[in-house]
Every structure is written in structure tokens, then in C-alpha cells.
Amino acid sequence: MYYPPVDVEKENPRFYWLCPECYKLRIEKLEWWMKEGYYYFRDIGTTATLEQLGFKDLDEYMKSLD
């Protein structure tokens, strides 16, 4: 549920409300991603580890964007 209500087909909400149970699940997933070394790469719109993308470290990834 998004709050305030928006038409997600026209525009993705910048802020939204989650019920407490959904919030807890999101936080658990985020903590797991952090523990496993996952990053969100906005330029390519994916969540992955550096190893999955074929990079040794973040500096190597950042250089690839230039």
C-alpha cells in the first residue's frame, strides 16, 4: 500500500508507507543483503554483489562508469 496514494503506472512514489510486518521483512532482507555484500546499482537498476558483476571492488566498478 502506498501512502499517499499514487498511480504507480504513471509515476513511482518517492515515499511510501509500509505496515509494520512488511517493514520488518524489508529490514531483514536489507540486513541479509548487507551481510552478503550486495549493493544496489542505480545505473543498471539491479541488486547484486560485486563478484556477480565481475568486479573486485567498488573502485573498479566506479572506473567502469567513466
C-alpha atoms as a PDB file:
ATOM      1  CA  MET A   1       0.000   0.000   0.000  1.00  0.00           C
ATOM      2  CA  TYR A   2       1.335   3.371  -0.975  1.00  0.00           C
ATOM      3  CA  TYR A   3       0.633   6.418   1.100  1.00  0.00           C
ATOM      4  CA  PRO A   4      -0.147   8.962  -0.118  1.00  0.00           C
ATOM      5  CA  PRO A   5      -1.932   7.054  -2.888  1.00  0.00           C
ATOM      6  CA  VAL A   6      -0.326   7.393  -6.316  1.00  0.00           C
ATOM      7  CA  ASP A   7      -0.859   5.870  -9.729  1.00  0.00           C
ATOM      8  CA  VAL A   8       2.270   3.703  -9.934  1.00  0.00           C
ATOM      9  CA  GLU A   9       1.763   3.183 -13.678  1.00  0.00           C
ATOM     10  CA  LYS A  10       2.303   6.917 -14.210  1.00  0.00           C
ATOM     11  CA  GLU A  11       4.907   7.666 -11.546  1.00  0.00           C
ATOM     12  CA  ASN A  12       6.760   5.652  -8.937  1.00  0.00           C
ATOM     13  CA  PRO A  13       6.261   7.039  -5.453  1.00  0.00           C
ATOM     14  CA  ARG A  14       9.292   8.638  -3.847  1.00  0.00           C
ATOM     15  CA  PHE A  15       7.974   7.867  -0.376  1.00  0.00           C
ATOM     16  CA  TYR A  16       5.571   5.202   0.750  1.00  0.00           C
ATOM     17  CA  TRP A  17       4.140   3.696   3.879  1.00  0.00           C
ATOM     18  CA  LEU A  18       4.637   0.059   4.899  1.00  0.00           C
ATOM     19  CA  CYS A  19       2.741  -1.876   7.519  1.00  0.00           C
ATOM     20  CA  PRO A  20       4.904  -2.943  10.497  1.00  0.00           C
ATOM     21  CA  GLU A  21       5.117  -6.569   9.301  1.00  0.00           C
ATOM     22  CA  CYS A  22       6.204  -5.535   5.783  1.00  0.00           C
ATOM     23  CA  TYR A  23       8.712  -3.083   7.239  1.00  0.00           C
ATOM     24  CA  LYS A  24      10.220  -5.862   9.368  1.00  0.00           C
ATOM     25  CA  LEU A  25      10.556  -8.106   6.294  1.00  0.00           C
ATOM     26  CA  ARG A  26      12.211  -5.286   4.314  1.00  0.00           C
ATOM     27  CA  ILE A  27      14.700  -4.640   7.117  1.00  0.00           C
ATOM     28  CA  GLU A  28      15.519  -8.362   7.419  1.00  0.00           C
ATOM     29  CA  LYS A  29      16.139  -8.520   3.662  1.00  0.00           C
ATOM     30  CA  LEU A  30      18.295  -5.370   3.787  1.00  0.00           C
ATOM     31  CA  GLU A  31      20.351  -6.765   6.671  1.00  0.00           C
ATOM     32  CA  TRP A  32      20.890 -10.016   4.740  1.00  0.00           C
ATOM     33  CA  TRP A  33      21.961  -8.096   1.616  1.00  0.00           C
ATOM     34  CA  MET A  34      24.429  -6.062   3.682  1.00  0.00           C
ATOM     35  CA  LYS A  35      25.843  -9.186   5.349  1.00  0.00           C
ATOM     36  CA  GLU A  36      26.243 -10.927   1.962  1.00  0.00           C
ATOM     37  CA  GLY A  37      27.821  -7.852   0.328  1.00  0.00           C
ATOM     38  CA  TYR A  38      25.003  -6.874  -2.022  1.00  0.00           C
ATOM     39  CA  TYR A  39      24.781  -3.375  -3.477  1.00  0.00           C
ATOM     40  CA  TYR A  40      22.053  -1.590  -5.425  1.00  0.00           C
ATOM     41  CA  PHE A  41      23.497  -0.295  -8.693  1.00  0.00           C
ATOM     42  CA  ARG A  42      21.217   2.516  -9.876  1.00  0.00           C
ATOM     43  CA  ASP A  43      22.902   2.942 -13.250  1.00  0.00           C
ATOM     44  CA  ILE A  44      21.959  -0.583 -14.278  1.00  0.00           C
ATOM     45  CA  GLY A  45      18.952  -0.987 -11.964  1.00  0.00           C
ATOM     46  CA  THR A  46      19.995  -4.172 -10.204  1.00  0.00           C
ATOM     47  CA  THR A  47      20.934  -5.517  -6.803  1.00  0.00           C
ATOM     48  CA  ALA A  48      23.989  -7.765  -6.907  1.00  0.00           C
ATOM     49  CA  THR A  49      27.349  -8.459  -5.347  1.00  0.00           C
ATOM     50  CA  LEU A  50      30.486  -7.084  -6.943  1.00  0.00           C
ATOM     51  CA  GLU A  51      31.585 -10.659  -7.639  1.00  0.00           C
ATOM     52  CA  GLN A  52      28.359 -11.359  -9.535  1.00  0.00           C
ATOM     53  CA  LEU A  53      29.074  -8.338 -11.736  1.00  0.00           C
ATOM     54  CA  GLY A  54      32.722  -9.320 -12.235  1.00  0.00           C
ATOM     55  CA  PHE A  55      34.401  -6.566 -10.186  1.00  0.00           C
ATOM     56  CA  LYS A  56      36.996  -6.870  -7.417  1.00  0.00           C
ATOM     57  CA  ASP A  57      35.981  -3.723  -5.523  1.00  0.00           C
ATOM     58  CA  LEU A  58      33.831  -0.594  -5.723  1.00  0.00           C
ATOM     59  CA  ASP A  59      36.678   1.466  -7.194  1.00  0.00           C
ATOM     60  CA  GLU A  60      36.860  -0.888 -10.164  1.00  0.00           C
ATOM     61  CA  TYR A  61      33.097  -0.577 -10.656  1.00  0.00           C
ATOM     62  CA  MET A  62      33.243   3.230 -10.437  1.00  0.00           C
ATOM     63  CA  LYS A  63      36.057   3.347 -13.030  1.00  0.00           C
ATOM     64  CA  SER A  64      33.920   1.279 -15.378  1.00  0.00           C
ATOM     65  CA  LEU A  65      31.284   4.028 -15.365  1.00  0.00           C
ATOM     66  CA  ASP A  66      33.672   6.625 -16.812  1.00  0.00           C
END
